[in-house]
Amino acid sequence: MAGLTVKSRVRRQKMQKKSFEELIRELEGIVNKLEGGETELDKALGMYKEGIGIIKELNDRISNARKQIETAGEDVSESGQ
């Protein structure tokens, strides 16, 4: 997490405590608000940045899950099952 501000680290830690499904719902809420077109520009920009952060966290989790699945598959192949 080098290069992250304290605020970014705290936000990232809060995201890591939430389930994948909670983050998806949060992202959907942000998208719905932005698509509504009623949000002021400054607030919309902040919401957009928050959404990008959620997407990064979700991608990290998907990547980690993929690695675990690949590792499990390799373990099964090596054991001959």
Protein backbone atom coordinates (compact mmCIF):
# COMPACT_ATOMS: atom_id res chain seq x y z
CA MET A 1 0.00 0.00 0.00
CA ALA A 2 2.89 2.31 -0.58
CA GLY A 3 1.98 5.73 -1.85
CA LEU A 4 -1.50 5.80 -0.34
CA THR A 5 -2.56 8.70 1.83
CA VAL A 6 -3.76 8.05 5.36
CA LYS A 7 -7.32 8.78 4.25
CA SER A 8 -7.00 6.30 1.38
CA ARG A 9 -5.60 3.61 3.68
CA VAL A 10 -8.45 4.05 6.16
CA ARG A 11 -11.00 3.88 3.33
CA ARG A 12 -9.30 0.76 1.95
CA GLN A 13 -9.30 -0.90 5.39
CA LYS A 14 -13.03 -0.19 5.78
CA MET A 15 -13.68 -1.73 2.37
CA GLN A 16 -11.69 -4.83 3.26
CA LYS A 17 -14.01 -5.44 6.22
CA LYS A 18 -17.08 -5.52 3.96
CA SER A 19 -18.21 -8.60 2.08
CA PHE A 20 -17.96 -8.81 -1.68
CA GLU A 21 -21.74 -8.59 -1.91
CA GLU A 22 -21.87 -5.49 0.30
CA LEU A 23 -19.35 -3.77 -1.94
CA ILE A 24 -21.35 -4.69 -5.05
CA ARG A 25 -24.51 -3.18 -3.50
CA GLU A 26 -22.57 -0.05 -2.53
CA LEU A 27 -21.20 0.28 -6.06
CA GLU A 28 -24.68 -0.20 -7.53
CA GLY A 29 -25.97 2.58 -5.28
CA ILE A 30 -23.26 4.93 -6.49
CA VAL A 31 -23.97 4.09 -10.12
CA ASN A 32 -27.70 4.65 -9.66
CA LYS A 33 -27.13 8.05 -8.07
CA LEU A 34 -24.72 9.11 -10.79
CA GLU A 35 -27.02 7.91 -13.55
CA GLY A 36 -29.86 9.89 -11.99
CA GLY A 37 -28.10 13.08 -13.00
CA GLU A 38 -29.26 14.99 -9.92
CA THR A 39 -25.90 14.98 -8.11
CA GLU A 40 -23.83 18.15 -7.98
CA LEU A 41 -20.57 17.97 -9.92
CA ASP A 42 -18.21 18.04 -6.91
CA LYS A 43 -20.20 15.36 -5.10
CA ALA A 44 -20.46 13.29 -8.28
CA LEU A 45 -16.69 13.41 -8.72
CA GLY A 46 -16.19 12.19 -5.16
CA MET A 47 -18.70 9.39 -5.70
CA TYR A 48 -16.96 8.44 -8.93
CA LYS A 49 -13.61 8.20 -7.13
CA GLU A 50 -15.21 6.12 -4.38
CA GLY A 51 -16.67 3.82 -7.02
CA ILE A 52 -13.25 3.40 -8.64
CA GLY A 53 -11.83 2.44 -5.23
CA ILE A 54 -14.57 -0.16 -4.77
CA ILE A 55 -13.91 -1.56 -8.25
CA LYS A 56 -10.20 -1.90 -7.44
CA GLU A 57 -11.02 -3.75 -4.21
CA LEU A 58 -13.45 -6.06 -6.02
CA ASN A 59 -10.88 -6.78 -8.75
CA ASP A 60 -8.27 -7.61 -6.10
CA ARG A 61 -10.67 -10.05 -4.46
CA ILE A 62 -11.55 -11.68 -7.77
CA SER A 63 -7.87 -12.00 -8.62
CA ASN A 64 -7.13 -13.60 -5.23
CA ALA A 65 -10.06 -16.01 -5.62
CA ARG A 66 -8.84 -16.96 -9.09
CA LYS A 67 -5.36 -17.71 -7.70
CA GLN A 68 -6.85 -19.86 -4.94
CA ILE A 69 -8.91 -21.80 -7.49
CA GLU A 70 -5.88 -22.35 -9.70
CA THR A 71 -3.82 -23.50 -6.73
CA ALA A 72 -6.57 -25.88 -5.61
CA GLY A 73 -6.78 -27.27 -9.14
CA GLU A 74 -3.03 -27.81 -9.22
CA ASP A 75 -3.17 -29.58 -5.86
CA VAL A 76 -5.85 -31.94 -7.16
CA SER A 77 -3.89 -32.63 -10.36
CA GLU A 78 -0.74 -33.38 -8.41
CA SER A 79 -2.54 -35.82 -6.12
CA GLY A 80 -3.83 -37.74 -9.13
CA GLN A 81 -7.52 -37.27 -8.41
